Amino acid sequence: VNKYNLDSKSSACYEYIDSEHHMDGACSC
């Protein structure tokens, strides 16, 4: 899972990492 802290006002969000969206677990998005 990737964790994103976008700003100090928003809750952290999480994203499941699958091979279709992220190659070898490395996020380039």
mmCIF file of all heavy atoms, coordinates in Angstrom:
data_MODEL
# 
_entry.id   MODEL 
# 
loop_
_atom_site.group_PDB 
_atom_site.id 
_atom_site.type_symbol 
_atom_site.label_atom_id 
_atom_site.label_alt_id 
_atom_site.label_comp_id 
_atom_site.label_asym_id 
_atom_site.label_entity_id 
_atom_site.label_seq_id 
_atom_site.pdbx_PDB_ins_code 
_atom_site.Cartn_x 
_atom_site.Cartn_y 
_atom_site.Cartn_z 
_atom_site.occupancy 
_atom_site.B_iso_or_equiv 
_atom_site.pdbx_formal_charge 
_atom_site.auth_seq_id 
_atom_site.auth_comp_id 
_atom_site.auth_asym_id 
_atom_site.auth_atom_id 
_atom_site.pdbx_PDB_model_num 
ATOM 1   N N   . VAL A 1 1  ? 0.854  -1.182 0.000   1.00 0.00 ? 1  VAL A N   1 
ATOM 2   C CA  . VAL A 1 1  ? 0.000  0.000  0.000   1.00 0.00 ? 1  VAL A CA  1 
ATOM 3   C C   . VAL A 1 1  ? 0.895  1.238  0.000   1.00 0.00 ? 1  VAL A C   1 
ATOM 4   O O   . VAL A 1 1  ? 1.946  1.246  0.638   1.00 0.00 ? 1  VAL A O   1 
ATOM 5   C CB  . VAL A 1 1  ? -0.898 -0.002 1.274   1.00 0.00 ? 1  VAL A CB  1 
ATOM 6   C CG1 . VAL A 1 1  ? -1.659 1.287  1.429   1.00 0.00 ? 1  VAL A CG1 1 
ATOM 7   C CG2 . VAL A 1 1  ? -1.853 -1.185 1.253   1.00 0.00 ? 1  VAL A CG2 1 
ATOM 8   N N   . ASN A 1 2  ? 0.474  2.259  -0.714  1.00 0.00 ? 2  ASN A N   1 
ATOM 9   C CA  . ASN A 1 2  ? 1.131  3.559  -0.638  1.00 0.00 ? 2  ASN A CA  1 
ATOM 10  C C   . ASN A 1 2  ? 0.303  4.467  0.251   1.00 0.00 ? 2  ASN A C   1 
ATOM 11  O O   . ASN A 1 2  ? -0.925 4.408  0.246   1.00 0.00 ? 2  ASN A O   1 
ATOM 12  C CB  . ASN A 1 2  ? 1.252  4.214  -2.016  1.00 0.00 ? 2  ASN A CB  1 
ATOM 13  C CG  . ASN A 1 2  ? 2.429  3.691  -2.793  1.00 0.00 ? 2  ASN A CG  1 
ATOM 14  O OD1 . ASN A 1 2  ? 3.405  3.205  -2.229  1.00 0.00 ? 2  ASN A OD1 1 
ATOM 15  N ND2 . ASN A 1 2  ? 2.346  3.778  -4.111  1.00 0.00 ? 2  ASN A ND2 1 
ATOM 16  N N   . LYS A 1 3  ? 0.992  5.321  0.997   1.00 0.00 ? 3  LYS A N   1 
ATOM 17  C CA  . LYS A 1 3  ? 0.335  6.290  1.864   1.00 0.00 ? 3  LYS A CA  1 
ATOM 18  C C   . LYS A 1 3  ? 0.658  7.677  1.335   1.00 0.00 ? 3  LYS A C   1 
ATOM 19  O O   . LYS A 1 3  ? 1.807  7.977  1.029   1.00 0.00 ? 3  LYS A O   1 
ATOM 20  C CB  . LYS A 1 3  ? 0.849  6.146  3.294   1.00 0.00 ? 3  LYS A CB  1 
ATOM 21  C CG  . LYS A 1 3  ? 0.259  7.146  4.262   1.00 0.00 ? 3  LYS A CG  1 
ATOM 22  C CD  . LYS A 1 3  ? 0.812  6.911  5.668   1.00 0.00 ? 3  LYS A CD  1 
ATOM 23  C CE  . LYS A 1 3  ? 0.237  7.914  6.647   1.00 0.00 ? 3  LYS A CE  1 
ATOM 24  N NZ  . LYS A 1 3  ? 0.749  7.674  8.009   1.00 0.00 ? 3  LYS A NZ  1 
ATOM 25  N N   . TYR A 1 4  ? -0.376 8.516  1.227   1.00 0.00 ? 4  TYR A N   1 
ATOM 26  C CA  . TYR A 1 4  ? -0.207 9.873  0.739   1.00 0.00 ? 4  TYR A CA  1 
ATOM 27  C C   . TYR A 1 4  ? -0.703 10.863 1.779   1.00 0.00 ? 4  TYR A C   1 
ATOM 28  O O   . TYR A 1 4  ? -1.836 10.760 2.238   1.00 0.00 ? 4  TYR A O   1 
ATOM 29  C CB  . TYR A 1 4  ? -0.989 10.090 -0.563  1.00 0.00 ? 4  TYR A CB  1 
ATOM 30  C CG  . TYR A 1 4  ? -0.598 9.146  -1.662  1.00 0.00 ? 4  TYR A CG  1 
ATOM 31  C CD1 . TYR A 1 4  ? -1.371 8.023  -1.951  1.00 0.00 ? 4  TYR A CD1 1 
ATOM 32  C CD2 . TYR A 1 4  ? 0.553  9.352  -2.400  1.00 0.00 ? 4  TYR A CD2 1 
ATOM 33  C CE1 . TYR A 1 4  ? -1.003 7.139  -2.952  1.00 0.00 ? 4  TYR A CE1 1 
ATOM 34  C CE2 . TYR A 1 4  ? 0.922  8.476  -3.406  1.00 0.00 ? 4  TYR A CE2 1 
ATOM 35  C CZ  . TYR A 1 4  ? 0.140  7.380  -3.675  1.00 0.00 ? 4  TYR A CZ  1 
ATOM 36  O OH  . TYR A 1 4  ? 0.507  6.512  -4.670  1.00 0.00 ? 4  TYR A OH  1 
ATOM 37  N N   . ASN A 1 5  ? 0.147  11.787 2.163   1.00 0.00 ? 5  ASN A N   1 
ATOM 38  C CA  . ASN A 1 5  ? -0.238 12.916 3.002   1.00 0.00 ? 5  ASN A CA  1 
ATOM 39  C C   . ASN A 1 5  ? -0.225 14.135 2.092   1.00 0.00 ? 5  ASN A C   1 
ATOM 40  O O   . ASN A 1 5  ? 0.832  14.643 1.765   1.00 0.00 ? 5  ASN A O   1 
ATOM 41  C CB  . ASN A 1 5  ? 0.753  13.111 4.155   1.00 0.00 ? 5  ASN A CB  1 
ATOM 42  C CG  . ASN A 1 5  ? 0.693  11.979 5.143   1.00 0.00 ? 5  ASN A CG  1 
ATOM 43  O OD1 . ASN A 1 5  ? -0.366 11.649 5.650   1.00 0.00 ? 5  ASN A OD1 1 
ATOM 44  N ND2 . ASN A 1 5  ? 1.822  11.361 5.403   1.00 0.00 ? 5  ASN A ND2 1 
ATOM 45  N N   . LEU A 1 6  ? -1.408 14.551 1.668   1.00 0.00 ? 6  LEU A N   1 
ATOM 46  C CA  . LEU A 1 6  ? -1.481 15.586 0.648   1.00 0.00 ? 6  LEU A CA  1 
ATOM 47  C C   . LEU A 1 6  ? -1.293 16.991 1.197   1.00 0.00 ? 6  LEU A C   1 
ATOM 48  O O   . LEU A 1 6  ? -0.702 17.835 0.557   1.00 0.00 ? 6  LEU A O   1 
ATOM 49  C CB  . LEU A 1 6  ? -2.808 15.485 -0.093  1.00 0.00 ? 6  LEU A CB  1 
ATOM 50  C CG  . LEU A 1 6  ? -3.005 14.132 -0.780  1.00 0.00 ? 6  LEU A CG  1 
ATOM 51  C CD1 . LEU A 1 6  ? -4.373 14.049 -1.403  1.00 0.00 ? 6  LEU A CD1 1 
ATOM 52  C CD2 . LEU A 1 6  ? -1.929 13.918 -1.828  1.00 0.00 ? 6  LEU A CD2 1 
ATOM 53  N N   . ASP A 1 7  ? -1.841 17.246 2.358   1.00 0.00 ? 7  ASP A N   1 
ATOM 54  C CA  . ASP A 1 7  ? -1.672 18.549 2.982   1.00 0.00 ? 7  ASP A CA  1 
ATOM 55  C C   . ASP A 1 7  ? -2.022 18.429 4.454   1.00 0.00 ? 7  ASP A C   1 
ATOM 56  O O   . ASP A 1 7  ? -2.470 17.387 4.909   1.00 0.00 ? 7  ASP A O   1 
ATOM 57  C CB  . ASP A 1 7  ? -2.515 19.633 2.285   1.00 0.00 ? 7  ASP A CB  1 
ATOM 58  C CG  . ASP A 1 7  ? -4.000 19.280 2.227   1.00 0.00 ? 7  ASP A CG  1 
ATOM 59  O OD1 . ASP A 1 7  ? -4.553 18.823 3.253   1.00 0.00 ? 7  ASP A OD1 1 
ATOM 60  O OD2 . ASP A 1 7  ? -4.606 19.484 1.171   1.00 0.00 ? 7  ASP A OD2 1 
ATOM 61  N N   . SER A 1 8  ? -1.814 19.491 5.196   1.00 0.00 ? 8  SER A N   1 
ATOM 62  C CA  . SER A 1 8  ? -2.037 19.427 6.641   1.00 0.00 ? 8  SER A CA  1 
ATOM 63  C C   . SER A 1 8  ? -3.516 19.407 7.020   1.00 0.00 ? 8  SER A C   1 
ATOM 64  O O   . SER A 1 8  ? -3.853 19.087 8.150   1.00 0.00 ? 8  SER A O   1 
ATOM 65  C CB  . SER A 1 8  ? -1.343 20.608 7.323   1.00 0.00 ? 8  SER A CB  1 
ATOM 66  O OG  . SER A 1 8  ? -1.881 21.826 6.844   1.00 0.00 ? 8  SER A OG  1 
ATOM 67  N N   . LYS A 1 9  ? -4.405 19.719 6.084   1.00 0.00 ? 9  LYS A N   1 
ATOM 68  C CA  . LYS A 1 9  ? -5.834 19.756 6.382   1.00 0.00 ? 9  LYS A CA  1 
ATOM 69  C C   . LYS A 1 9  ? -6.543 18.440 6.074   1.00 0.00 ? 9  LYS A C   1 
ATOM 70  O O   . LYS A 1 9  ? -7.602 18.173 6.597   1.00 0.00 ? 9  LYS A O   1 
ATOM 71  C CB  . LYS A 1 9  ? -6.507 20.874 5.577   1.00 0.00 ? 9  LYS A CB  1 
ATOM 72  C CG  . LYS A 1 9  ? -6.033 22.264 5.945   1.00 0.00 ? 9  LYS A CG  1 
ATOM 73  C CD  . LYS A 1 9  ? -6.746 23.309 5.126   1.00 0.00 ? 9  LYS A CD  1 
ATOM 74  C CE  . LYS A 1 9  ? -5.797 23.780 4.049   1.00 0.00 ? 9  LYS A CE  1 
ATOM 75  N NZ  . LYS A 1 9  ? -6.373 24.686 3.094   1.00 0.00 ? 9  LYS A NZ  1 
ATOM 76  N N   . SER A 1 10 ? -5.981 17.621 5.219   1.00 0.00 ? 10 SER A N   1 
ATOM 77  C CA  . SER A 1 10 ? -6.645 16.399 4.761   1.00 0.00 ? 10 SER A CA  1 
ATOM 78  C C   . SER A 1 10 ? -6.128 15.174 5.505   1.00 0.00 ? 10 SER A C   1 
ATOM 79  O O   . SER A 1 10 ? -4.969 15.136 5.915   1.00 0.00 ? 10 SER A O   1 
ATOM 80  C CB  . SER A 1 10 ? -6.395 16.187 3.265   1.00 0.00 ? 10 SER A CB  1 
ATOM 81  O OG  . SER A 1 10 ? -6.811 17.297 2.536   1.00 0.00 ? 10 SER A OG  1 
ATOM 82  N N   . SER A 1 11 ? -7.005 14.180 5.637   1.00 0.00 ? 11 SER A N   1 
ATOM 83  C CA  . SER A 1 11 ? -6.579 12.896 6.190   1.00 0.00 ? 11 SER A CA  1 
ATOM 84  C C   . SER A 1 11 ? -5.648 12.216 5.198   1.00 0.00 ? 11 SER A C   1 
ATOM 85  O O   . SER A 1 11 ? -5.765 12.411 3.991   1.00 0.00 ? 11 SER A O   1 
ATOM 86  C CB  . SER A 1 11 ? -7.788 11.989 6.412   1.00 0.00 ? 11 SER A CB  1 
ATOM 87  O OG  . SER A 1 11 ? -8.674 12.556 7.333   1.00 0.00 ? 11 SER A OG  1 
ATOM 88  N N   . ALA A 1 12 ? -4.754 11.398 5.707   1.00 0.00 ? 12 ALA A N   1 
ATOM 89  C CA  . ALA A 1 12 ? -3.890 10.609 4.824   1.00 0.00 ? 12 ALA A CA  1 
ATOM 90  C C   . ALA A 1 12 ? -4.766 9.675  4.007   1.00 0.00 ? 12 ALA A C   1 
ATOM 91  O O   . ALA A 1 12 ? -5.816 9.221  4.459   1.00 0.00 ? 12 ALA A O   1 
ATOM 92  C CB  . ALA A 1 12 ? -2.894 9.801  5.650   1.00 0.00 ? 12 ALA A CB  1 
ATOM 93  N N   . CYS A 1 13 ? -4.355 9.408  2.782   1.00 0.00 ? 13 CYS A N   1 
ATOM 94  C CA  . CYS A 1 13 ? -5.070 8.407  1.999   1.00 0.00 ? 13 CYS A CA  1 
ATOM 95  C C   . CYS A 1 13 ? -4.116 7.294  1.632   1.00 0.00 ? 13 CYS A C   1 
ATOM 96  O O   . CYS A 1 13 ? -2.909 7.465  1.605   1.00 0.00 ? 13 CYS A O   1 
ATOM 97  C CB  . CYS A 1 13 ? -5.767 8.966  0.776   1.00 0.00 ? 13 CYS A CB  1 
ATOM 98  S SG  . CYS A 1 13 ? -5.205 10.411 0.030   1.00 0.00 ? 13 CYS A SG  1 
ATOM 99  N N   . TYR A 1 14 ? -4.720 6.156  1.381   1.00 0.00 ? 14 TYR A N   1 
ATOM 100 C CA  . TYR A 1 14 ? -3.969 4.933  1.113   1.00 0.00 ? 14 TYR A CA  1 
ATOM 101 C C   . TYR A 1 14 ? -4.429 4.380  -0.221  1.00 0.00 ? 14 TYR A C   1 
ATOM 102 O O   . TYR A 1 14 ? -5.577 4.534  -0.610  1.00 0.00 ? 14 TYR A O   1 
ATOM 103 C CB  . TYR A 1 14 ? -4.225 3.907  2.224   1.00 0.00 ? 14 TYR A CB  1 
ATOM 104 C CG  . TYR A 1 14 ? -3.767 4.385  3.572   1.00 0.00 ? 14 TYR A CG  1 
ATOM 105 C CD1 . TYR A 1 14 ? -4.580 5.190  4.357   1.00 0.00 ? 14 TYR A CD1 1 
ATOM 106 C CD2 . TYR A 1 14 ? -2.512 4.054  4.053   1.00 0.00 ? 14 TYR A CD2 1 
ATOM 107 C CE1 . TYR A 1 14 ? -4.166 5.644  5.597   1.00 0.00 ? 14 TYR A CE1 1 
ATOM 108 C CE2 . TYR A 1 14 ? -2.089 4.499  5.300   1.00 0.00 ? 14 TYR A CE2 1 
ATOM 109 C CZ  . TYR A 1 14 ? -2.918 5.293  6.059   1.00 0.00 ? 14 TYR A CZ  1 
ATOM 110 O OH  . TYR A 1 14 ? -2.488 5.739  7.280   1.00 0.00 ? 14 TYR A OH  1 
ATOM 111 N N   . GLU A 1 15 ? -3.494 3.717  -0.884  1.00 0.00 ? 15 GLU A N   1 
ATOM 112 C CA  . GLU A 1 15 ? -3.804 3.127  -2.188  1.00 0.00 ? 15 GLU A CA  1 
ATOM 113 C C   . GLU A 1 15 ? -3.133 1.768  -2.285  1.00 0.00 ? 15 GLU A C   1 
ATOM 114 O O   . GLU A 1 15 ? -1.927 1.634  -2.053  1.00 0.00 ? 15 GLU A O   1 
ATOM 115 C CB  . GLU A 1 15 ? -3.286 4.040  -3.299  1.00 0.00 ? 15 GLU A CB  1 
ATOM 116 C CG  . GLU A 1 15 ? -3.489 3.474  -4.677  1.00 0.00 ? 15 GLU A CG  1 
ATOM 117 C CD  . GLU A 1 15 ? -2.800 4.311  -5.737  1.00 0.00 ? 15 GLU A CD  1 
ATOM 118 O OE1 . GLU A 1 15 ? -1.895 5.097  -5.418  1.00 0.00 ? 15 GLU A OE1 1 
ATOM 119 O OE2 . GLU A 1 15 ? -3.165 4.137  -6.906  1.00 0.00 ? 15 GLU A OE2 1 
ATOM 120 N N   . TYR A 1 16 ? -3.922 0.768  -2.638  1.00 0.00 ? 16 TYR A N   1 
ATOM 121 C CA  . TYR A 1 16 ? -3.383 -0.565 -2.866  1.00 0.00 ? 16 TYR A CA  1 
ATOM 122 C C   . TYR A 1 16 ? -2.528 -0.522 -4.118  1.00 0.00 ? 16 TYR A C   1 
ATOM 123 O O   . TYR A 1 16 ? -2.896 0.081  -5.124  1.00 0.00 ? 16 TYR A O   1 
ATOM 124 C CB  . TYR A 1 16 ? -4.522 -1.579 -3.025  1.00 0.00 ? 16 TYR A CB  1 
ATOM 125 C CG  . TYR A 1 16 ? -4.033 -2.970 -3.320  1.00 0.00 ? 16 TYR A CG  1 
ATOM 126 C CD1 . TYR A 1 16 ? -3.506 -3.754 -2.300  1.00 0.00 ? 16 TYR A CD1 1 
ATOM 127 C CD2 . TYR A 1 16 ? -4.078 -3.483 -4.615  1.00 0.00 ? 16 TYR A CD2 1 
ATOM 128 C CE1 . TYR A 1 16 ? -3.036 -5.027 -2.567  1.00 0.00 ? 16 TYR A CE1 1 
ATOM 129 C CE2 . TYR A 1 16 ? -3.613 -4.753 -4.879  1.00 0.00 ? 16 TYR A CE2 1 
ATOM 130 C CZ  . TYR A 1 16 ? -3.089 -5.522 -3.859  1.00 0.00 ? 16 TYR A CZ  1 
ATOM 131 O OH  . TYR A 1 16 ? -2.621 -6.783 -4.119  1.00 0.00 ? 16 TYR A OH  1 
ATOM 132 N N   . ILE A 1 17 ? -1.374 -1.157 -4.069  1.00 0.00 ? 17 ILE A N   1 
ATOM 133 C CA  . ILE A 1 17 ? -0.463 -1.173 -5.209  1.00 0.00 ? 17 ILE A CA  1 
ATOM 134 C C   . ILE A 1 17 ? -0.644 -2.488 -5.948  1.00 0.00 ? 17 ILE A C   1 
ATOM 135 O O   . ILE A 1 17 ? -0.410 -3.554 -5.382  1.00 0.00 ? 17 ILE A O   1 
ATOM 136 C CB  . ILE A 1 17 ? 1.006  -1.055 -4.754  1.00 0.00 ? 17 ILE A CB  1 
ATOM 137 C CG1 . ILE A 1 17 ? 1.198  0.217  -3.942  1.00 0.00 ? 17 ILE A CG1 1 
ATOM 138 C CG2 . ILE A 1 17 ? 1.936  -1.079 -5.954  1.00 0.00 ? 17 ILE A CG2 1 
ATOM 139 C CD1 . ILE A 1 17 ? 2.520  0.268  -3.233  1.00 0.00 ? 17 ILE A CD1 1 
ATOM 140 N N   . ASP A 1 18 ? -1.067 -2.408 -7.187  1.00 0.00 ? 18 ASP A N   1 
ATOM 141 C CA  . ASP A 1 18 ? -1.142 -3.620 -7.996  1.00 0.00 ? 18 ASP A CA  1 
ATOM 142 C C   . ASP A 1 18 ? -0.262 -3.447 -9.223  1.00 0.00 ? 18 ASP A C   1 
ATOM 143 O O   . ASP A 1 18 ? 0.112  -2.349 -9.583  1.00 0.00 ? 18 ASP A O   1 
ATOM 144 C CB  . ASP A 1 18 ? -2.585 -3.980 -8.368  1.00 0.00 ? 18 ASP A CB  1 
ATOM 145 C CG  . ASP A 1 18 ? -3.240 -2.972 -9.300  1.00 0.00 ? 18 ASP A CG  1 
ATOM 146 O OD1 . ASP A 1 18 ? -2.555 -2.071 -9.793  1.00 0.00 ? 18 ASP A OD1 1 
ATOM 147 O OD2 . ASP A 1 18 ? -4.440 -3.103 -9.536  1.00 0.00 ? 18 ASP A OD2 1 
ATOM 148 N N   . SER A 1 19 ? 0.077  -4.554 -9.845  1.00 0.00 ? 19 SER A N   1 
ATOM 149 C CA  . SER A 1 19 ? 1.029  -4.514 -10.954 1.00 0.00 ? 19 SER A CA  1 
ATOM 150 C C   . SER A 1 19 ? 0.488  -3.761 -12.162 1.00 0.00 ? 19 SER A C   1 
ATOM 151 O O   . SER A 1 19 ? 1.250  -3.259 -12.976 1.00 0.00 ? 19 SER A O   1 
ATOM 152 C CB  . SER A 1 19 ? 1.434  -5.932 -11.354 1.00 0.00 ? 19 SER A CB  1 
ATOM 153 O OG  . SER A 1 19 ? 0.293  -6.672 -11.728 1.00 0.00 ? 19 SER A OG  1 
ATOM 154 N N   . GLU A 1 20 ? -0.820 -3.649 -12.279 1.00 0.00 ? 20 GLU A N   1 
ATOM 155 C CA  . GLU A 1 20 ? -1.391 -2.938 -13.418 1.00 0.00 ? 20 GLU A CA  1 
ATOM 156 C C   . GLU A 1 20 ? -1.156 -1.426 -13.306 1.00 0.00 ? 20 GLU A C   1 
ATOM 157 O O   . GLU A 1 20 ? -0.929 -0.750 -14.290 1.00 0.00 ? 20 GLU A O   1 
ATOM 158 C CB  . GLU A 1 20 ? -2.904 -3.204 -13.482 1.00 0.00 ? 20 GLU A CB  1 
ATOM 159 C CG  . GLU A 1 20 ? -3.583 -2.566 -14.676 1.00 0.00 ? 20 GLU A CG  1 
ATOM 160 C CD  . GLU A 1 20 ? -5.061 -2.889 -14.707 1.00 0.00 ? 20 GLU A CD  1 
ATOM 161 O OE1 . GLU A 1 20 ? -5.446 -3.990 -14.305 1.00 0.00 ? 20 GLU A OE1 1 
ATOM 162 O OE2 . GLU A 1 20 ? -5.834 -2.014 -15.144 1.00 0.00 ? 20 GLU A OE2 1 
ATOM 163 N N   . HIS A 1 21 ? -1.208 -0.905 -12.074 1.00 0.00 ? 21 HIS A N   1 
ATOM 164 C CA  . HIS A 1 21 ? -1.065 0.532  -11.882 1.00 0.00 ? 21 HIS A CA  1 
ATOM 165 C C   . HIS A 1 21 ? 0.349  0.958  -11.502 1.00 0.00 ? 21 HIS A C   1 
ATOM 166 O O   . HIS A 1 21 ? 0.723  2.095  -11.683 1.00 0.00 ? 21 HIS A O   1 
ATOM 167 C CB  . HIS A 1 21 ? -2.035 1.011  -10.800 1.00 0.00 ? 21 HIS A CB  1 
ATOM 168 C CG  . HIS A 1 21 ? -3.460 0.907  -11.212 1.00 0.00 ? 21 HIS A CG  1 
ATOM 169 N ND1 . HIS A 1 21 ? -4.224 -0.196 -10.944 1.00 0.00 ? 21 HIS A ND1 1 
ATOM 170 C CD2 . HIS A 1 21 ? -4.244 1.748  -11.911 1.00 0.00 ? 21 HIS A CD2 1 
ATOM 171 C CE1 . HIS A 1 21 ? -5.428 -0.022 -11.436 1.00 0.00 ? 21 HIS A CE1 1 
ATOM 172 N NE2 . HIS A 1 21 ? -5.469 1.144  -12.027 1.00 0.00 ? 21 HIS A NE2 1 
ATOM 173 N N   . HIS A 1 22 ? 1.123  0.043  -10.938 1.00 0.00 ? 22 HIS A N   1 
ATOM 174 C CA  . HIS A 1 22 ? 2.458  0.378  -10.464 1.00 0.00 ? 22 HIS A CA  1 
ATOM 175 C C   . HIS A 1 22 ? 3.399  -0.755 -10.826 1.00 0.00 ? 22 HIS A C   1 
ATOM 176 O O   . HIS A 1 22 ? 3.220  -1.876 -10.388 1.00 0.00 ? 22 HIS A O   1 
ATOM 177 C CB  . HIS A 1 22 ? 2.465  0.571  -8.948  1.00 0.00 ? 22 HIS A CB  1 
ATOM 178 C CG  . HIS A 1 22 ? 1.545  1.653  -8.511  1.00 0.00 ? 22 HIS A CG  1 
ATOM 179 N ND1 . HIS A 1 22 ? 1.885  2.975  -8.555  1.00 0.00 ? 22 HIS A ND1 1 
ATOM 180 C CD2 . HIS A 1 22 ? 0.277  1.616  -8.049  1.00 0.00 ? 22 HIS A CD2 1 
ATOM 181 C CE1 . HIS A 1 22 ? 0.878  3.690  -8.119  1.00 0.00 ? 22 HIS A CE1 1 
ATOM 182 N NE2 . HIS A 1 22 ? -0.102 2.896  -7.809  1.00 0.00 ? 22 HIS A NE2 1 
ATOM 183 N N   . MET A 1 23 ? 4.404  -0.447 -11.583 1.00 0.00 ? 23 MET A N   1 
ATOM 184 C CA  . MET A 1 23 ? 5.349  -1.468 -12.027 1.00 0.00 ? 23 MET A CA  1 
ATOM 185 C C   . MET A 1 23 ? 6.363  -1.749 -10.923 1.00 0.00 ? 23 MET A C   1 
ATOM 186 O O   . MET A 1 23 ? 6.970  -0.825 -10.396 1.00 0.00 ? 23 MET A O   1 
ATOM 187 C CB  . MET A 1 23 ? 6.054  -1.007 -13.298 1.00 0.00 ? 23 MET A CB  1 
ATOM 188 C CG  . MET A 1 23 ? 5.101  -0.828 -14.457 1.00 0.00 ? 23 MET A CG  1 
ATOM 189 S SD  . MET A 1 23 ? 5.823  0.038  -15.863 1.00 0.00 ? 23 MET A SD  1 
ATOM 190 C CE  . MET A 1 23 ? 7.340  -0.800 -16.090 1.00 0.00 ? 23 MET A CE  1 
ATOM 191 N N   . ASP A 1 24 ? 6.540  -3.005 -10.561 1.00 0.00 ? 24 ASP A N   1 
ATOM 192 C CA  . ASP A 1 24 ? 7.513  -3.443 -9.559  1.00 0.00 ? 24 ASP A CA  1 
ATOM 193 C C   . ASP A 1 24 ? 7.385  -2.685 -8.242  1.00 0.00 ? 24 ASP A C   1 
ATOM 194 O O   . ASP A 1 24 ? 8.366  -2.462 -7.553  1.00 0.00 ? 24 ASP A O   1 
ATOM 195 C CB  . ASP A 1 24 ? 8.941  -3.287 -10.074 1.00 0.00 ? 24 ASP A CB  1 
ATOM 196 C CG  . ASP A 1 24 ? 9.194  -4.143 -11.298 1.00 0.00 ? 24 ASP A CG  1 
ATOM 197 O OD1 . ASP A 1 24 ? 8.333  -4.956 -11.641 1.00 0.00 ? 24 ASP A OD1 1 
ATOM 198 O OD2 . ASP A 1 24 ? 10.240 -4.009 -11.899 1.00 0.00 ? 24 ASP A OD2 1 
ATOM 199 N N   . GLY A 1 25 ? 6.174  -2.250 -7.893  1.00 0.00 ? 25 GLY A N   1 
ATOM 200 C CA  . GLY A 1 25 ? 5.952  -1.562 -6.632  1.00 0.00 ? 25 GLY A CA  1 
ATOM 201 C C   . GLY A 1 25 ? 6.462  -0.136 -6.607  1.00 0.00 ? 25 GLY A C   1 
ATOM 202 O O   . GLY A 1 25 ? 6.327  0.550  -5.613  1.00 0.00 ? 25 GLY A O   1 
ATOM 203 N N   . ALA A 1 26 ? 7.072  0.312  -7.681  1.00 0.00 ? 26 ALA A N   1 
ATOM 204 C CA  . ALA A 1 26 ? 7.593  1.676  -7.707  1.00 0.00 ? 26 ALA A CA  1 
ATOM 205 C C   . ALA A 1 26 ? 6.551  2.592  -8.326  1.00 0.00 ? 26 ALA A C   1 
ATOM 206 O O   . ALA A 1 26 ? 6.163  2.419  -9.459  1.00 0.00 ? 26 ALA A O   1 
ATOM 207 C CB  . ALA A 1 26 ? 8.879  1.726  -8.526  1.00 0.00 ? 26 ALA A CB  1 
ATOM 208 N N   . CYS A 1 27 ? 6.123  3.540  -7.553  1.00 0.00 ? 27 CYS A N   1 
ATOM 209 C CA  . CYS A 1 27 ? 5.087  4.447  -8.032  1.00 0.00 ? 27 CYS A CA  1 
ATOM 210 C C   . CYS A 1 27 ? 5.727  5.536  -8.873  1.00 0.00 ? 27 CYS A C   1 
ATOM 211 O O   . CYS A 1 27 ? 6.623  6.237  -8.421  1.00 0.00 ? 27 CYS A O   1 
ATOM 212 C CB  . CYS A 1 27 ? 4.361  5.067  -6.853  1.00 0.00 ? 27 CYS A CB  1 
ATOM 213 S SG  . CYS A 1 27 ? 3.173  6.331  -7.342  1.00 0.00 ? 27 CYS A SG  1 
ATOM 214 N N   . SER A 1 28 ? 5.295  5.668  -10.102 1.00 0.00 ? 28 SER A N   1 
ATOM 215 C CA  . SER A 1 28 ? 5.766  6.773  -10.922 1.00 0.00 ? 28 SER A CA  1 
ATOM 216 C C   . SER A 1 28 ? 4.581  7.639  -11.306 1.00 0.00 ? 28 SER A C   1 
ATOM 217 O O   . SER A 1 28 ? 4.593  8.278  -12.335 1.00 0.00 ? 28 SER A O   1 
ATOM 218 C CB  . SER A 1 28 ? 6.489  6.252  -12.163 1.00 0.00 ? 28 SER A CB  1 
ATOM 219 O OG  . SER A 1 28 ? 5.588  5.540  -12.968 1.00 0.00 ? 28 SER A OG  1 
ATOM 220 N N   . CYS A 1 29 ? 3.564  7.611  -10.470 1.00 0.00 ? 29 CYS A N   1 
ATOM 221 C CA  . CYS A 1 29 ? 2.422  8.463  -10.760 1.00 0.00 ? 29 CYS A CA  1 
ATOM 222 C C   . CYS A 1 29 ? 2.431  9.638  -9.807  1.00 0.00 ? 29 CYS A C   1 
ATOM 223 O O   . CYS A 1 29 ? 2.904  9.558  -8.683  1.00 0.00 ? 29 CYS A O   1 
ATOM 224 C CB  . CYS A 1 29 ? 1.117  7.680  -10.698 1.00 0.00 ? 29 CYS A CB  1 
ATOM 225 S SG  . CYS A 1 29 ? 0.286  7.650  -9.143  1.00 0.00 ? 29 CYS A SG  1 
# 
